[in-house]
Each structure stands twice: as C-alpha cells, then as structure tokens.
C-alpha cells in the first residue's frame, strides 16, 4: 500500500502548508514517460519514509493552477516544503538515491 497522497488545490494548505513534517511533491502527468520512470521511486520513498516525510503527487493536467504557482515548466518536477515554505524545487527525473539524498537534507 502506498503512502502517497493526491494533492489538489482543495487540500494543498492542509496537506502541505500545515504539515508537521517535510513534504515531497511530485508534479507529474500520465503521459509523461520520465514521470513513469520515477513513480516507483517516489512510491518507495513514501513507504520507507512514512512518519518522517509526507509524499504528495500533483497531476499537472488536473491541477494546472498548482503547477503554475510553482512555475512548473517541465515534468517531472520535485518540490520540498518544510515548515510551510517551499525549500526546494527542480525539474527532472532523478535516480532514487539522489531523491533520497535530497530528501535527507530536509528531514
């Protein structure tokens, strides 16, 4: 079972801005091949870091306003929120170990 949360405009504040732990956001789309490549890594991280990191998925086709707010010009884009503020945001598919290294900086 995956610990990933679907993030929408309706739950963004509650799930991301008001989170008591850091949040990793994955901006993705169903047609994006690199997004599909990193999806298993994101799911594994959500499970392995459960309780220490919240992992949210934002479908850019369904949540265009959130994508625009984060200046998402290409996908996948990974963002990290800590203490209600954007701490990191970068486009591109990364191997799992690099995503973990990134996440560990904000735990």
C-alpha atoms as a PDB file:
ATOM      1  CA  UNK A   1       0.000   0.000   0.000  1.00  0.00           C
ATOM      2  CA  UNK A   2       1.333   3.375  -0.952  1.00  0.00           C
ATOM      3  CA  UNK A   3       1.586   6.274   1.459  1.00  0.00           C
ATOM      4  CA  UNK A   4       1.390   8.844  -1.347  1.00  0.00           C
ATOM      5  CA  UNK A   5      -1.322  11.496  -1.121  1.00  0.00           C
ATOM      6  CA  UNK A   6      -3.044  13.108  -4.093  1.00  0.00           C
ATOM      7  CA  UNK A   7      -2.598  16.857  -3.675  1.00  0.00           C
ATOM      8  CA  UNK A   8      -5.187  19.227  -5.125  1.00  0.00           C
ATOM      9  CA  UNK A   9      -5.935  22.901  -4.835  1.00  0.00           C
ATOM     10  CA  UNK A  10      -8.587  21.993  -2.262  1.00  0.00           C
ATOM     11  CA  UNK A  11      -6.249  20.152   0.122  1.00  0.00           C
ATOM     12  CA  UNK A  12      -2.921  21.903  -0.585  1.00  0.00           C
ATOM     13  CA  UNK A  13      -2.965  24.122   2.506  1.00  0.00           C
ATOM     14  CA  UNK A  14      -3.959  21.326   4.890  1.00  0.00           C
ATOM     15  CA  UNK A  15      -1.655  18.650   3.468  1.00  0.00           C
ATOM     16  CA  UNK A  16       1.364  20.759   2.501  1.00  0.00           C
ATOM     17  CA  UNK A  17       1.469  24.191   4.138  1.00  0.00           C
ATOM     18  CA  UNK A  18       0.185  22.979   7.508  1.00  0.00           C
ATOM     19  CA  UNK A  19       2.092  19.685   7.547  1.00  0.00           C
ATOM     20  CA  UNK A  20       4.052  18.927  10.708  1.00  0.00           C
ATOM     21  CA  UNK A  21       6.739  17.080   8.708  1.00  0.00           C
ATOM     22  CA  UNK A  22       8.504  17.909   5.416  1.00  0.00           C
ATOM     23  CA  UNK A  23       6.539  17.267   2.226  1.00  0.00           C
ATOM     24  CA  UNK A  24       7.939  15.962  -1.065  1.00  0.00           C
ATOM     25  CA  UNK A  25       5.761  16.924  -4.021  1.00  0.00           C
ATOM     26  CA  UNK A  26       5.939  15.139  -7.362  1.00  0.00           C
ATOM     27  CA  UNK A  27       4.444  17.138 -10.251  1.00  0.00           C
ATOM     28  CA  UNK A  28       3.578  14.581 -12.942  1.00  0.00           C
ATOM     29  CA  UNK A  29       1.244  13.627 -15.787  1.00  0.00           C
ATOM     30  CA  UNK A  30       0.007  10.257 -17.014  1.00  0.00           C
ATOM     31  CA  UNK A  31       1.505  10.767 -20.487  1.00  0.00           C
ATOM     32  CA  UNK A  32       4.987  11.693 -19.180  1.00  0.00           C
ATOM     33  CA  UNK A  33       7.495   8.876 -19.674  1.00  0.00           C
ATOM     34  CA  UNK A  34      10.124  10.263 -17.211  1.00  0.00           C
ATOM     35  CA  UNK A  35       7.311  10.658 -14.653  1.00  0.00           C
ATOM     36  CA  UNK A  36       6.507   6.971 -15.043  1.00  0.00           C
ATOM     37  CA  UNK A  37      10.197   6.146 -14.649  1.00  0.00           C
ATOM     38  CA  UNK A  38      10.481   7.813 -11.228  1.00  0.00           C
ATOM     39  CA  UNK A  39       6.986   6.866  -9.992  1.00  0.00           C
ATOM     40  CA  UNK A  40       8.177   3.614  -8.347  1.00  0.00           C
ATOM     41  CA  UNK A  41      10.973   5.528  -6.589  1.00  0.00           C
ATOM     42  CA  UNK A  42       8.524   8.112  -5.266  1.00  0.00           C
ATOM     43  CA  UNK A  43       6.202   5.352  -4.029  1.00  0.00           C
ATOM     44  CA  UNK A  44       9.084   3.518  -2.320  1.00  0.00           C
ATOM     45  CA  UNK A  45      10.246   6.727  -0.630  1.00  0.00           C
ATOM     46  CA  UNK A  46       6.684   7.413   0.551  1.00  0.00           C
ATOM     47  CA  UNK A  47       6.608   3.980   2.181  1.00  0.00           C
ATOM     48  CA  UNK A  48      10.171   3.967   3.531  1.00  0.00           C
ATOM     49  CA  UNK A  49       9.989   7.486   4.999  1.00  0.00           C
ATOM     50  CA  UNK A  50       6.448   7.169   6.356  1.00  0.00           C
ATOM     51  CA  UNK A  51       6.036   9.216   9.528  1.00  0.00           C
ATOM     52  CA  UNK A  52       9.079  11.377   8.722  1.00  0.00           C
ATOM     53  CA  UNK A  53       8.116  12.638   5.254  1.00  0.00           C
ATOM     54  CA  UNK A  54       4.795  13.208   3.559  1.00  0.00           C
ATOM     55  CA  UNK A  55       4.776  12.483  -0.181  1.00  0.00           C
ATOM     56  CA  UNK A  56       2.239  14.157  -2.428  1.00  0.00           C
ATOM     57  CA  UNK A  57       1.502  13.683  -6.113  1.00  0.00           C
ATOM     58  CA  UNK A  58       0.185  16.587  -8.191  1.00  0.00           C
ATOM     59  CA  UNK A  59      -1.237  15.737 -11.599  1.00  0.00           C
ATOM     60  CA  UNK A  60      -0.435  18.840 -13.661  1.00  0.00           C
ATOM     61  CA  UNK A  61      -3.233  18.128 -16.141  1.00  0.00           C
ATOM     62  CA  UNK A  62      -5.804  18.220 -13.337  1.00  0.00           C
ATOM     63  CA  UNK A  63      -4.139  20.850 -11.126  1.00  0.00           C
ATOM     64  CA  UNK A  64      -2.820  23.432 -13.574  1.00  0.00           C
ATOM     65  CA  UNK A  65      -3.129  26.249 -11.027  1.00  0.00           C
ATOM     66  CA  UNK A  66      -0.769  24.489  -8.605  1.00  0.00           C
ATOM     67  CA  UNK A  67       1.674  23.801 -11.423  1.00  0.00           C
ATOM     68  CA  UNK A  68       1.609  27.473 -12.447  1.00  0.00           C
ATOM     69  CA  UNK A  69       2.056  28.591  -8.820  1.00  0.00           C
ATOM     70  CA  UNK A  70       5.245  26.514  -8.680  1.00  0.00           C
ATOM     71  CA  UNK A  71       6.438  27.661 -12.129  1.00  0.00           C
ATOM     72  CA  UNK A  72       6.406  24.069 -13.355  1.00  0.00           C
ATOM     73  CA  UNK A  73       7.509  24.291 -16.982  1.00  0.00           C
ATOM     74  CA  UNK A  74       8.555  20.667 -17.400  1.00  0.00           C
ATOM     75  CA  UNK A  75       7.785  17.443 -15.651  1.00  0.00           C
ATOM     76  CA  UNK A  76       8.590  15.648 -13.558  1.00  0.00           C
ATOM     77  CA  UNK A  77       9.327  18.411 -11.091  1.00  0.00           C
ATOM     78  CA  UNK A  78      10.096  17.666  -7.468  1.00  0.00           C
ATOM     79  CA  UNK A  79       9.443  20.197  -4.712  1.00  0.00           C
ATOM     80  CA  UNK A  80      10.011  20.042  -0.981  1.00  0.00           C
ATOM     81  CA  UNK A  81       8.095  22.050   1.581  1.00  0.00           C
ATOM     82  CA  UNK A  82       9.328  22.393   5.142  1.00  0.00           C
ATOM     83  CA  UNK A  83       7.583  24.343   7.885  1.00  0.00           C
ATOM     84  CA  UNK A  84       5.004  25.604   5.409  1.00  0.00           C
ATOM     85  CA  UNK A  85       7.523  27.113   2.989  1.00  0.00           C
ATOM     86  CA  UNK A  86       8.945  25.982  -0.325  1.00  0.00           C
ATOM     87  CA  UNK A  87      12.504  24.831   0.404  1.00  0.00           C
ATOM     88  CA  UNK A  88      13.400  23.200  -2.926  1.00  0.00           C
ATOM     89  CA  UNK A  89      12.002  22.922  -6.433  1.00  0.00           C
ATOM     90  CA  UNK A  90      13.695  21.463  -9.511  1.00  0.00           C
ATOM     91  CA  UNK A  91      12.574  19.754 -12.713  1.00  0.00           C
ATOM     92  CA  UNK A  92      13.968  16.482 -13.961  1.00  0.00           C
ATOM     93  CA  UNK A  93      13.918  12.775 -13.284  1.00  0.00           C
ATOM     94  CA  UNK A  94      16.412  11.646 -10.677  1.00  0.00           C
ATOM     95  CA  UNK A  95      17.544   8.191  -9.607  1.00  0.00           C
ATOM     96  CA  UNK A  96      16.143   7.004  -6.272  1.00  0.00           C
ATOM     97  CA  UNK A  97      19.422   7.513  -4.387  1.00  0.00           C
ATOM     98  CA  UNK A  98      19.575  11.169  -5.490  1.00  0.00           C
ATOM     99  CA  UNK A  99      15.971  11.758  -4.439  1.00  0.00           C
ATOM    100  CA  UNK A 100      16.790  10.208  -1.053  1.00  0.00           C
ATOM    101  CA  UNK A 101      19.892  12.398  -0.681  1.00  0.00           C
ATOM    102  CA  UNK A 102      17.753  15.439  -1.450  1.00  0.00           C
ATOM    103  CA  UNK A 103      15.012  14.405   0.981  1.00  0.00           C
ATOM    104  CA  UNK A 104      17.501  13.698   3.772  1.00  0.00           C
ATOM    105  CA  UNK A 105      18.698  17.325   3.622  1.00  0.00           C
ATOM    106  CA  UNK A 106      15.269  18.476   4.796  1.00  0.00           C
ATOM    107  CA  UNK A 107      14.436  15.853   7.438  1.00  0.00           C
END
